[in-house]
Protein backbone atom coordinates (compact mmCIF):
# COMPACT_ATOMS: atom_id res chain seq x y z
CA MET A 1 9.26 7.80 -2.38
CA ARG A 2 12.02 5.24 -2.96
CA ASP A 3 9.91 2.50 -4.51
CA ASN A 4 11.43 0.86 -7.56
CA VAL A 5 9.15 0.58 -10.59
CA GLN A 6 11.26 -2.27 -12.00
CA GLY A 7 10.22 -4.83 -9.39
CA GLY A 8 12.25 -3.64 -6.42
CA ALA A 9 11.04 -3.40 -2.87
CA LEU A 10 8.18 -1.10 -1.99
CA THR A 11 8.28 0.87 1.21
CA GLU A 12 5.96 -0.41 3.91
CA THR A 13 3.96 2.81 3.72
CA THR A 14 3.46 2.47 -0.02
CA PHE A 15 2.38 -1.16 0.22
CA LEU A 16 -0.06 -0.43 3.04
CA ILE A 17 -1.61 2.47 1.12
CA MET A 18 -2.01 0.26 -1.94
CA LEU A 19 -3.72 -2.41 0.17
CA ALA A 20 -6.03 0.22 1.65
CA VAL A 21 -7.27 1.39 -1.75
CA PHE A 22 -8.30 -2.00 -3.10
CA GLN A 23 -11.66 -0.47 -2.10
CA PRO A 24 -12.24 3.24 -2.86
CA MET A 25 -11.10 5.23 0.14
CA HIS A 26 -10.44 8.85 1.10
CA GLY A 27 -7.25 10.06 2.77
CA TYR A 28 -8.45 10.00 6.36
CA GLY A 29 -9.97 6.55 5.78
CA ILE A 30 -6.61 5.32 4.47
CA MET A 31 -4.90 6.61 7.62
CA GLN A 32 -7.50 4.86 9.82
CA PHE A 33 -7.28 1.62 7.82
CA ILE A 34 -3.50 1.47 8.20
CA GLU A 35 -3.55 2.29 11.90
CA ALA A 36 -6.23 -0.34 12.53
CA LYS A 37 -4.71 -3.09 10.39
CA THR A 38 -1.24 -2.60 11.92
CA HIS A 39 -2.72 -2.40 15.45
CA GLY A 40 -1.28 1.09 15.87
CA ARG A 41 2.25 0.14 14.81
CA VAL A 42 2.03 2.40 11.74
CA ILE A 43 0.43 5.82 12.07
CA LEU A 44 0.71 8.03 9.01
CA GLY A 45 0.87 11.78 9.16
CA ALA A 46 -1.03 13.78 6.55
CA GLY A 47 2.16 14.96 4.85
CA THR A 48 3.48 11.42 4.47
CA LEU A 49 0.14 10.15 3.21
CA TYR A 50 -0.49 12.87 0.65
CA GLY A 51 3.11 12.77 -0.60
CA ALA A 52 2.78 9.01 -1.12
CA LEU A 53 -0.61 9.39 -2.82
CA LYS A 54 0.88 11.92 -5.23
CA ALA A 55 3.77 9.58 -6.07
CA LEU A 56 1.43 6.60 -6.51
CA LYS A 57 -0.80 8.61 -8.87
CA ARG A 58 2.27 9.66 -10.87
CA LYS A 59 3.27 5.99 -11.25
CA GLY A 60 -0.25 5.09 -12.36
CA TRP A 61 -0.71 2.68 -9.44
CA ILE A 62 -3.71 4.50 -7.99
CA ARG A 63 -6.21 6.98 -9.40
CA PRO A 64 -8.87 9.27 -8.06
CA CYS A 65 -12.20 7.47 -7.92
CA GLN A 66 -14.82 9.23 -10.00
CA GLN A 67 -17.92 7.53 -11.42
CA GLN A 68 -18.47 4.81 -8.82
CA CYS A 69 -17.68 7.14 -5.92
CA ASP A 70 -20.48 9.54 -5.16
CA SER A 71 -18.87 11.35 -2.26
CA ARG A 72 -17.66 14.87 -1.66
CA GLN A 73 -14.42 13.49 -0.27
CA LYS A 74 -11.69 12.70 -2.77
CA ARG A 75 -11.35 8.93 -2.87
CA TYR A 76 -8.62 6.84 -4.42
CA VAL A 77 -8.66 3.35 -5.87
CA ILE A 78 -5.89 1.02 -7.04
CA THR A 79 -5.35 0.53 -10.79
CA GLU A 80 -4.55 -2.68 -12.68
CA ASP A 81 -0.87 -1.62 -12.74
CA GLY A 82 -1.09 -1.04 -8.99
CA ILE A 83 -2.55 -4.50 -8.44
CA THR A 84 0.33 -5.98 -10.45
CA ALA A 85 2.86 -4.04 -8.35
CA ALA A 86 1.15 -5.14 -5.12
CA ARG A 87 1.21 -8.79 -6.21
CA GLN A 88 4.90 -8.51 -7.06
CA GLU A 89 5.57 -7.07 -3.62
CA LEU A 90 3.60 -9.87 -1.96
CA ASN A 91 5.67 -12.45 -3.83
CA ARG A 92 8.90 -10.67 -2.84
CA LEU A 93 7.84 -10.67 0.81
CA LYS A 94 6.94 -14.38 0.64
CA GLN A 95 10.43 -15.15 -0.68
CA ILE A 96 12.01 -13.19 2.17
CA GLN A 97 9.80 -14.99 4.68
CA GLU A 98 10.74 -18.39 3.26
CA LEU A 99 14.43 -17.50 3.45
CA ALA A 100 14.10 -16.30 7.04
CA ILE A 101 12.19 -19.41 8.10
CA SER A 102 14.84 -21.62 6.49
CA ILE A 103 17.53 -19.86 8.52
CA ILE A 104 15.78 -19.00 11.78
CA GLY A 105 13.13 -21.70 11.93
CA GLY A 106 9.36 -21.72 11.95
CA ALA A 107 7.19 -19.08 13.54
CA GLY A 108 6.75 -19.42 17.28
CA GLU A 109 9.83 -21.52 17.87
């Protein structure tokens, strides 16, 4: 995963997974969430998803959900560090959008 810990751009896949686990969610649920929220534009394969989950756990941005998750399925939830990283990415994307609008014009024009 090419995401930069020092405030660089996150991949779209990483950002979408992080958004999905603001609520505890298992792997298949994450895949369904992303497909639904992107209207089918992004469909994750299991290998991509589980590789990304492993990298996100290593960075400390997500963690397995334990106490509050009484399910047999392994669920993941975003950490405080993950929330910080997601907010930074949102701000970065807003800056890009503002730049694009200033050059191209407003949406729908």
